Amino acid sequence: MGSTKQEHMLHLFFRLFVARELLLSGKLTEYGVIVPFSTDCRGRFVSHVVSGDTAHRGAGGRLLYFNVTVFGKELHLRLRPNRRLVPPGAVAEWQEDFEVLFREPLQQRCLFTGDISDMPGAAVAISNCDGQAGLIRTDSNEFFIEPLERGQQETEEHGRAHVVYRRSAIRQDGAEPHQDLHPEVPGARVGDLPNSLELMTERLGDVERKRRHARKDDYNIEVLLAVDDSVVRFHGKEHVQNYVLTLMNIVDEIYHDESLGVHINIVLVRMIMVGYRQSVSLIERGNPSRSLEQVCRWAHSQQRSDPEHAEHHDHAVFLTRQDFGPAGMQGYAPVTGMCHPLRSCTLNHEDGFSSAFVVAHETGHVLGMEHDGQGNRCADETSMGSIMAPLVQAAFHRYHWSRCSKQELNRYIQLLRLSPG
């Protein structure tokens, strides 16, 4: 490497590090600044370009290979497109003053999942629309990666700085770890589920509609993703779609962890960027129950009446940065809400990529999962990083679904399969 290139790299590191130092030091307890690069299938350097269609692809044009150094350890990522997450016909919709401003196709060109060479059990969920962003799960830990500055694709040729940090290093706001509450849905307790089996079968078990049961132990949940104005303003209109797609790519990967016993595919059929007036009218500050009720009713009002419509959804995920509950509350969802059109929804506080675990947790409630250790015998797994722990927090262990979550989900699915007609 010539002296001019070395000077450029040093200047790049210094400028970006100083620009973000205050923000990062306030949010993270430990992080590293790295420059990832694309490689061939053997891990040999190809280019510093890591974004979008310009990144080097392997044989056949399907796989992407990158090297990243995570706290001194070099990892060789092997990625393939995640074609499950955004199906053909999915749309992004912008609303303002309770009306649709415009609609456009929802793009999915740069969403990837994969693994790490020579590391059994590792998993990766990355987007490269604008640098590398997402989750890297090694055999012993979990890390998030994101570019230090957005919109710098044109400068990648000489290397682009990214920040990488452990999931467990994210400093929580407030004194308590992130919490969630989940109200019981009237008439939807486990003992009452047979009364709703016909509806439940339509929503989760229909083999015919859009290959909802693609193969044994593989299920699709078609999702309406609502992004309120507070999230749009925080991330910026030009970046918010890429960000939330990256977030939901991580959620999809969480639901493919082998500890769950089945594969739940998160399928985004529609994304709505909710306008300011509607956003503030839906969330009632400090009142999570009322906020959830209003969000669920709004989501139901957005439903396509024709079940065969490409945008018909099974479940709605609402993201906000507004404070709908007391300090530390990150999510609110009905237990077994999937069987009720007005209750198949979750309310989630968006606060970075760690919010993917909040979304996964709250969606777990809607799928019939209880908190570990509350009404079941899995309290021992909460300190080991179980996703359905009562406090949604990063543990110093790899995430997993507890044996109780696996059993509760399987019981829920079996009820669907055994339903008459």
Protein backbone atom coordinates (compact mmCIF):
# COMPACT_ATOMS: atom_id res chain seq x y z
CA MET A 1 0.00 0.00 0.00
CA GLY A 2 1.46 3.34 -1.06
CA SER A 3 1.97 6.23 1.34
CA THR A 4 -0.77 8.29 -0.36
CA LYS A 5 -3.32 5.54 0.16
CA GLN A 6 -2.19 5.07 3.76
CA GLU A 7 -2.61 8.78 4.41
CA HIS A 8 -6.08 8.70 2.86
CA MET A 9 -7.11 5.78 5.07
CA LEU A 10 -5.77 7.44 8.22
CA HIS A 11 -7.58 10.66 7.36
CA LEU A 12 -10.79 8.70 6.72
CA PHE A 13 -10.57 6.94 10.06
CA PHE A 14 -9.80 10.12 11.96
CA ARG A 15 -12.55 12.19 10.34
CA LEU A 16 -15.29 9.59 10.77
CA PHE A 17 -14.21 8.53 14.23
CA VAL A 18 -14.27 12.08 15.55
CA ALA A 19 -17.59 12.82 13.84
CA ARG A 20 -19.39 9.98 15.60
CA GLU A 21 -17.41 9.65 18.85
CA LEU A 22 -19.88 11.46 21.08
CA LEU A 23 -22.88 9.59 19.69
CA LEU A 24 -21.26 6.18 19.94
CA SER A 25 -19.77 6.71 23.38
CA GLY A 26 -23.19 7.66 24.66
CA LYS A 27 -24.85 4.55 23.24
CA LEU A 28 -22.27 1.78 23.38
CA THR A 29 -20.00 0.48 26.09
CA GLU A 30 -17.61 -1.16 23.63
CA TYR A 31 -17.19 -1.00 19.86
CA GLY A 32 -14.63 -1.20 17.09
CA VAL A 33 -14.11 0.68 13.82
CA ILE A 34 -13.28 -1.55 10.85
CA VAL A 35 -13.07 -1.48 7.04
CA PRO A 36 -14.76 -4.58 5.54
CA PHE A 37 -13.92 -5.73 2.03
CA SER A 38 -15.30 -8.11 -0.56
CA THR A 39 -13.42 -11.31 -1.36
CA ASP A 40 -13.59 -14.37 -3.55
CA CYS A 41 -14.88 -17.68 -2.22
CA ARG A 42 -11.50 -18.43 -0.62
CA GLY A 43 -11.35 -15.17 1.28
CA ARG A 44 -8.85 -13.44 -0.99
CA PHE A 45 -9.16 -9.66 -1.30
CA VAL A 46 -11.14 -8.39 -4.30
CA SER A 47 -12.28 -4.84 -3.50
CA HIS A 48 -13.22 -2.40 -0.76
CA VAL A 49 -16.55 -1.88 -2.53
CA VAL A 50 -19.19 -3.58 -0.38
CA SER A 51 -22.46 -1.87 -1.39
CA GLY A 52 -25.24 -3.03 -3.69
CA ASP A 53 -24.83 -4.29 -7.21
CA THR A 54 -21.22 -3.12 -7.44
CA ALA A 55 -20.05 -5.59 -4.78
CA HIS A 56 -18.19 -8.59 -6.16
CA ARG A 57 -20.30 -11.72 -6.60
CA GLY A 58 -19.01 -15.26 -6.66
CA ALA A 59 -19.59 -17.96 -9.24
CA GLY A 60 -23.07 -17.84 -10.71
CA GLY A 61 -23.61 -14.27 -9.51
CA ARG A 62 -25.61 -15.36 -6.45
CA LEU A 63 -23.22 -15.49 -3.52
CA LEU A 64 -21.40 -12.60 -1.89
CA TYR A 65 -18.25 -12.97 0.18
CA PHE A 66 -16.89 -10.43 2.65
CA ASN A 67 -14.17 -10.32 5.25
CA VAL A 68 -14.77 -8.39 8.46
CA THR A 69 -12.54 -8.17 11.50
CA VAL A 70 -14.54 -8.35 14.72
CA PHE A 71 -12.55 -7.44 17.82
CA GLY A 72 -9.35 -8.84 16.36
CA LYS A 73 -10.85 -11.95 14.75
CA GLU A 74 -11.16 -12.07 10.97
CA LEU A 75 -14.42 -13.57 9.74
CA HIS A 76 -15.21 -14.71 6.21
CA LEU A 77 -18.92 -14.12 5.53
CA ARG A 78 -20.73 -16.19 2.90
CA LEU A 79 -24.03 -14.60 1.91
CA ARG A 80 -26.95 -15.48 -0.34
CA PRO A 81 -29.99 -13.33 -1.20
CA ASN A 82 -32.93 -13.56 1.20
CA ARG A 83 -35.73 -13.89 -1.32
CA ARG A 84 -38.30 -14.81 1.34
CA LEU A 85 -38.56 -11.42 3.02
CA VAL A 86 -39.91 -9.25 0.19
CA PRO A 87 -42.14 -11.13 -2.27
CA PRO A 88 -43.09 -9.96 -5.77
CA GLY A 89 -45.88 -7.41 -5.55
CA ALA A 90 -44.86 -6.01 -2.17
CA VAL A 91 -45.28 -2.24 -1.91
CA ALA A 92 -44.01 0.70 0.12
CA GLU A 93 -46.64 3.33 0.80
CA TRP A 94 -46.27 6.87 2.11
CA GLN A 95 -49.23 8.37 3.94
CA GLU A 96 -49.83 11.95 5.12
CA ASP A 97 -52.90 13.56 6.67
CA PHE A 98 -54.67 10.18 6.59
CA GLU A 99 -54.28 9.88 2.82
CA VAL A 100 -51.94 7.96 0.54
CA LEU A 101 -49.30 10.24 -0.99
CA PHE A 102 -47.68 7.67 -3.26
CA ARG A 103 -46.83 4.00 -3.57
CA GLU A 104 -43.82 2.23 -5.02
CA PRO A 105 -42.52 -1.34 -5.29
CA LEU A 106 -40.71 -2.52 -2.18
CA GLN A 107 -37.13 -3.33 -3.15
CA GLN A 108 -35.26 -6.40 -1.91
CA ARG A 109 -32.08 -6.42 -3.99
CA CYS A 110 -29.61 -6.11 -1.14
CA LEU A 111 -30.90 -8.33 1.68
CA PHE A 112 -28.77 -11.35 2.51
CA THR A 113 -28.47 -14.16 5.01
CA GLY A 114 -25.69 -16.66 5.35
CA ASP A 115 -22.96 -18.10 7.50
CA ILE A 116 -19.28 -17.84 8.38
CA SER A 117 -16.57 -20.08 6.96
CA ASP A 118 -15.23 -22.74 9.33
CA MET A 119 -17.68 -21.77 12.08
CA PRO A 120 -20.55 -24.23 12.61
CA GLY A 121 -23.69 -22.66 14.04
CA ALA A 122 -22.83 -19.15 12.89
CA ALA A 123 -25.42 -17.01 11.10
CA VAL A 124 -25.44 -13.65 9.32
CA ALA A 125 -28.30 -11.32 8.35
CA ILE A 126 -26.90 -8.37 6.41
CA SER A 127 -28.03 -5.71 3.96
CA ASN A 128 -25.56 -4.00 1.66
CA CYS A 129 -27.76 -1.32 0.13
CA ASP A 130 -25.55 1.31 1.78
CA GLY A 131 -22.48 -0.33 3.25
CA GLN A 132 -22.83 -3.39 5.44
CA ALA A 133 -25.54 -3.34 8.11
CA GLY A 134 -27.06 -6.07 10.23
CA LEU A 135 -26.34 -9.01 12.51
CA ILE A 136 -23.27 -11.23 12.66
CA ARG A 137 -23.72 -14.23 14.96
CA THR A 138 -20.54 -16.18 15.69
CA ASP A 139 -20.19 -19.45 17.58
CA SER A 140 -19.93 -17.56 20.86
CA ASN A 141 -21.35 -14.04 20.51
CA GLU A 142 -23.57 -11.65 18.56
CA PHE A 143 -22.50 -8.44 16.85
CA PHE A 144 -24.13 -5.64 14.91
CA ILE A 145 -22.36 -3.85 12.07
CA GLU A 146 -23.25 -0.59 10.34
CA PRO A 147 -21.44 2.13 8.38
CA LEU A 148 -20.26 5.13 10.36
CA GLU A 149 -21.74 7.47 7.77
CA ARG A 150 -24.67 6.85 5.44
CA GLY A 151 -24.78 7.63 1.76
CA GLN A 152 -21.06 7.20 1.11
CA GLN A 153 -21.22 4.40 -1.47
CA GLU A 154 -19.25 6.44 -3.99
CA THR A 155 -16.23 6.63 -1.68
CA GLU A 156 -15.93 2.90 -0.94
CA GLU A 157 -13.18 2.24 -3.45
CA HIS A 158 -10.57 3.33 -0.92
CA GLY A 159 -12.25 1.71 2.07
CA ARG A 160 -15.28 2.68 4.11
CA ALA A 161 -15.32 2.74 7.88
CA HIS A 162 -17.94 0.71 9.75
CA VAL A 163 -18.66 0.32 13.44
CA VAL A 164 -19.05 -3.15 14.92
CA TYR A 165 -20.30 -3.78 18.45
CA ARG A 166 -21.52 -6.60 20.62
CA ARG A 167 -25.26 -6.85 21.13
CA SER A 168 -24.58 -7.08 24.86
CA ALA A 169 -22.65 -3.77 24.76
CA ILE A 170 -25.69 -1.65 23.93
CA ARG A 171 -26.34 0.69 26.85
CA GLN A 172 -29.97 0.49 27.93
CA ASP A 173 -31.95 3.67 28.55
CA GLY A 174 -33.23 3.99 32.09
CA ALA A 175 -32.44 1.92 35.13
CA GLU A 176 -34.31 -1.21 34.06
CA PRO A 177 -33.65 -3.54 31.13
CA HIS A 178 -36.13 -3.34 28.29
CA GLN A 179 -39.54 -4.65 29.33
CA ASP A 180 -42.68 -5.69 27.56
CA LEU A 181 -46.24 -6.30 28.63
CA HIS A 182 -48.79 -8.48 26.95
CA PRO A 183 -52.51 -8.26 27.69
CA GLU A 184 -54.61 -11.36 27.39
CA VAL A 185 -57.07 -11.17 24.53
CA PRO A 186 -60.67 -11.70 25.67
CA GLY A 187 -61.90 -15.03 24.37
CA ALA A 188 -58.45 -16.07 23.18
CA ARG A 189 -57.01 -18.07 26.06
CA VAL A 190 -55.54 -21.44 25.15
CA GLY A 191 -58.64 -23.26 26.40
CA ASP A 192 -60.85 -21.21 24.09
CA LEU A 193 -58.76 -21.63 20.95
CA PRO A 194 -60.88 -24.40 19.34
CA ASN A 195 -63.71 -21.88 18.96
CA SER A 196 -61.47 -19.84 16.67
CA LEU A 197 -59.76 -22.66 14.80
CA GLU A 198 -61.47 -21.97 11.47
CA LEU A 199 -60.18 -18.40 11.47
CA MET A 200 -56.75 -19.45 12.74
CA THR A 201 -56.40 -22.02 9.97
CA GLU A 202 -57.17 -19.33 7.41
CA ARG A 203 -54.50 -17.06 8.87
CA LEU A 204 -51.59 -19.44 9.42
CA GLY A 205 -52.32 -22.89 8.07
CA ASP A 206 -53.78 -22.49 4.58
CA VAL A 207 -51.54 -24.49 2.27
CA GLU A 208 -53.01 -23.10 -0.92
CA ARG A 209 -52.90 -19.35 -0.40
CA LYS A 210 -49.50 -18.20 -1.64
CA ARG A 211 -47.78 -21.39 -0.49
CA ARG A 212 -48.31 -20.46 3.16
CA HIS A 213 -46.95 -23.85 4.17
CA ALA A 214 -44.10 -24.08 1.69
CA ARG A 215 -42.77 -27.35 3.10
CA LYS A 216 -43.02 -29.34 6.29
CA ASP A 217 -42.11 -27.24 9.33
CA ASP A 218 -41.89 -24.10 7.17
CA TYR A 219 -44.55 -21.39 7.63
CA ASN A 220 -45.06 -17.90 6.23
CA ILE A 221 -46.44 -14.96 8.19
CA GLU A 222 -47.37 -12.18 5.80
CA VAL A 223 -46.70 -8.88 7.52
CA LEU A 224 -47.85 -5.29 7.25
CA LEU A 225 -44.94 -3.21 8.56
CA ALA A 226 -46.00 0.23 9.79
CA VAL A 227 -43.27 2.82 10.38
CA ASP A 228 -44.47 5.90 12.19
CA ASP A 229 -43.28 9.46 11.62
CA SER A 230 -40.92 9.47 14.61
CA VAL A 231 -38.94 6.60 13.06
CA VAL A 232 -38.99 8.19 9.60
CA ARG A 233 -37.69 11.51 10.95
CA PHE A 234 -34.97 9.86 13.04
CA HIS A 235 -33.52 7.79 10.20
CA GLY A 236 -34.40 10.16 7.35
CA LYS A 237 -36.81 9.65 4.47
CA GLU A 238 -34.03 8.60 2.12
CA HIS A 239 -32.68 5.92 4.51
CA VAL A 240 -35.64 4.63 6.50
CA GLN A 241 -36.73 1.90 4.07
CA ASN A 242 -33.27 0.36 3.94
CA TYR A 243 -33.02 0.54 7.72
CA VAL A 244 -36.33 -1.17 8.52
CA LEU A 245 -35.76 -3.82 5.85
CA THR A 246 -32.43 -4.58 7.51
CA LEU A 247 -34.18 -4.76 10.88
CA MET A 248 -36.81 -7.19 9.59
CA ASN A 249 -34.15 -9.26 7.85
CA ILE A 250 -32.69 -9.83 11.32
CA VAL A 251 -36.15 -10.74 12.68
CA ASP A 252 -36.52 -13.30 9.90
CA GLU A 253 -33.14 -14.80 10.77
CA ILE A 254 -34.11 -15.05 14.46
CA TYR A 255 -37.19 -17.06 13.45
CA HIS A 256 -34.95 -19.46 11.52
CA ASP A 257 -32.88 -20.41 14.54
CA GLU A 258 -32.82 -24.19 14.88
CA SER A 259 -33.84 -24.00 18.54
CA LEU A 260 -37.39 -23.07 17.45
CA GLY A 261 -37.93 -26.43 15.77
CA VAL A 262 -39.77 -24.93 12.78
CA HIS A 263 -38.98 -22.17 10.32
CA ILE A 264 -41.19 -19.11 10.45
CA ASN A 265 -40.72 -16.97 7.35
CA ILE A 266 -41.36 -13.26 7.83
CA VAL A 267 -42.84 -12.05 4.53
CA LEU A 268 -43.29 -8.29 4.12
CA VAL A 269 -46.22 -7.75 1.78
CA ARG A 270 -46.68 -4.05 2.54
CA MET A 271 -44.79 -1.26 4.29
CA ILE A 272 -46.54 1.97 5.33
CA MET A 273 -44.71 5.12 6.36
CA VAL A 274 -47.32 6.73 8.61
CA GLY A 275 -47.70 10.52 8.48
CA TYR A 276 -47.16 12.85 11.45
CA ARG A 277 -50.77 13.60 12.38
CA GLN A 278 -51.79 9.98 12.24
CA SER A 279 -48.70 8.87 14.17
CA VAL A 280 -49.37 11.17 17.11
CA SER A 281 -53.06 10.29 17.13
CA LEU A 282 -52.36 6.57 17.39
CA ILE A 283 -49.87 6.66 20.27
CA GLU A 284 -51.09 7.86 23.66
CA ARG A 285 -48.08 8.78 25.76
CA GLY A 286 -47.73 6.62 28.86
CA ASN A 287 -50.72 4.44 27.96
CA PRO A 288 -49.50 1.24 26.28
CA SER A 289 -52.86 -0.53 26.41
CA ARG A 290 -54.69 2.31 24.70
CA SER A 291 -51.86 2.79 22.20
CA LEU A 292 -51.90 -0.89 21.27
CA GLU A 293 -55.67 -0.88 20.85
CA GLN A 294 -55.53 2.12 18.52
CA VAL A 295 -52.62 0.73 16.52
CA CYS A 296 -54.39 -2.61 16.08
CA ARG A 297 -57.61 -0.96 14.95
CA TRP A 298 -55.69 1.22 12.50
CA ALA A 299 -53.84 -1.82 11.12
CA HIS A 300 -57.14 -3.65 10.70
CA SER A 301 -58.50 -0.65 8.77
CA GLN A 302 -55.58 -1.04 6.34
CA GLN A 303 -56.38 -4.69 5.64
CA ARG A 304 -57.21 -5.76 2.08
CA SER A 305 -60.66 -7.34 2.12
CA ASP A 306 -59.76 -9.95 -0.48
CA PRO A 307 -57.67 -12.74 1.12
CA GLU A 308 -56.14 -13.41 -2.31
CA HIS A 309 -54.84 -9.83 -2.61
CA ALA A 310 -51.03 -9.66 -2.74
CA GLU A 311 -51.08 -7.11 0.10
CA HIS A 312 -53.40 -9.06 2.41
CA HIS A 313 -51.58 -9.47 5.73
CA ASP A 314 -51.77 -11.93 8.62
CA HIS A 315 -50.02 -9.74 11.14
CA ALA A 316 -49.06 -6.09 11.62
CA VAL A 317 -45.81 -4.81 13.16
CA PHE A 318 -45.89 -1.16 14.25
CA LEU A 319 -42.58 0.65 14.88
CA THR A 320 -42.39 3.92 16.82
CA ARG A 321 -39.90 6.00 18.78
CA GLN A 322 -42.71 7.64 20.77
CA ASP A 323 -42.94 6.77 24.46
CA PHE A 324 -46.09 4.69 24.73
CA GLY A 325 -45.24 3.26 28.14
CA PRO A 326 -43.13 3.78 31.26
CA ALA A 327 -39.34 4.03 31.00
CA GLY A 328 -37.82 0.84 29.68
CA MET A 329 -40.96 -0.53 28.02
CA GLN A 330 -40.09 -1.75 24.56
CA GLY A 331 -43.09 -3.69 23.37
CA TYR A 332 -46.73 -4.57 23.85
CA ALA A 333 -48.67 -7.41 22.25
CA PRO A 334 -51.69 -9.68 22.78
CA VAL A 335 -50.95 -13.33 23.58
CA THR A 336 -52.36 -15.66 20.88
CA GLY A 337 -53.51 -12.60 18.95
CA MET A 338 -52.90 -14.26 15.58
CA CYS A 339 -56.38 -15.80 15.68
CA HIS A 340 -58.13 -12.41 15.97
CA PRO A 341 -58.17 -9.96 13.03
CA LEU A 342 -58.22 -7.01 15.44
CA ARG A 343 -55.46 -8.40 17.66
CA SER A 344 -52.86 -9.78 15.28
CA CYS A 345 -50.50 -6.88 15.82
CA THR A 346 -47.58 -5.72 17.94
CA LEU A 347 -46.44 -2.31 19.17
CA ASN A 348 -42.65 -1.94 19.25
CA HIS A 349 -40.32 0.83 20.38
CA GLU A 350 -37.63 1.22 17.72
CA ASP A 351 -34.16 1.87 19.11
CA GLY A 352 -31.63 0.46 16.67
CA PHE A 353 -30.93 -3.05 15.44
CA SER A 354 -31.48 -4.50 18.92
CA SER A 355 -35.17 -3.74 18.32
CA ALA A 356 -35.24 -6.79 16.05
CA PHE A 357 -35.25 -8.91 19.19
CA VAL A 358 -38.14 -6.88 20.59
CA VAL A 359 -40.14 -7.47 17.40
CA ALA A 360 -39.31 -11.19 17.50
CA HIS A 361 -40.32 -11.36 21.19
CA GLU A 362 -43.63 -9.55 20.71
CA THR A 363 -44.49 -11.59 17.63
CA GLY A 364 -43.77 -14.67 19.73
CA HIS A 365 -46.57 -13.60 22.08
CA VAL A 366 -48.97 -13.28 19.15
CA LEU A 367 -47.98 -16.84 18.17
CA GLY A 368 -48.94 -18.13 21.61
CA MET A 369 -45.61 -17.98 23.44
CA GLU A 370 -45.55 -16.96 27.09
CA HIS A 371 -42.69 -15.39 29.00
CA ASP A 372 -40.11 -17.95 30.03
CA GLY A 373 -40.63 -18.76 33.70
CA GLN A 374 -44.14 -17.31 33.82
CA GLY A 375 -46.71 -20.06 33.50
CA ASN A 376 -44.07 -22.52 32.33
CA ARG A 377 -40.88 -24.16 33.61
CA CYS A 378 -38.25 -22.31 31.61
CA ALA A 379 -37.08 -19.72 34.14
CA ASP A 380 -33.64 -21.36 34.00
CA GLU A 381 -33.21 -20.26 30.38
CA THR A 382 -33.83 -16.54 30.89
CA SER A 383 -30.26 -15.84 31.99
CA MET A 384 -28.94 -17.76 29.00
CA GLY A 385 -30.34 -15.41 26.36
CA SER A 386 -33.77 -16.88 25.67
CA ILE A 387 -35.81 -14.66 23.37
CA MET A 388 -38.99 -14.92 25.45
CA ALA A 389 -37.34 -13.90 28.74
CA PRO A 390 -39.59 -11.44 30.65
CA LEU A 391 -36.97 -8.71 30.27
CA VAL A 392 -35.96 -8.21 26.65
CA GLN A 393 -32.24 -7.77 27.01
CA ALA A 394 -28.96 -8.91 25.53
CA ALA A 395 -27.30 -11.62 27.60
CA PHE A 396 -23.68 -12.71 27.43
CA HIS A 397 -24.85 -15.78 25.55
CA ARG A 398 -26.12 -16.47 22.06
CA TYR A 399 -29.84 -15.93 21.65
CA HIS A 400 -32.10 -18.97 21.45
CA TRP A 401 -35.72 -20.01 21.75
CA SER A 402 -36.38 -21.84 25.00
CA ARG A 403 -37.79 -25.34 25.09
CA CYS A 404 -41.05 -23.80 26.36
CA SER A 405 -41.29 -21.40 23.41
CA LYS A 406 -40.74 -24.33 21.06
CA GLN A 407 -43.45 -26.37 22.81
CA GLU A 408 -45.93 -23.49 22.96
CA LEU A 409 -45.49 -22.69 19.27
CA ASN A 410 -45.80 -26.33 18.30
CA ARG A 411 -48.97 -26.64 20.38
CA TYR A 412 -50.39 -23.59 18.62
CA ILE A 413 -49.53 -25.01 15.18
CA GLN A 414 -50.96 -28.42 16.06
CA LEU A 415 -54.26 -26.78 16.93
CA LEU A 416 -54.28 -25.27 13.46
CA ARG A 417 -53.52 -28.59 11.78
CA LEU A 418 -56.21 -30.45 13.74
CA SER A 419 -58.95 -27.93 13.04
CA PRO A 420 -62.02 -29.34 11.27
CA GLY A 421 -62.52 -28.41 7.64
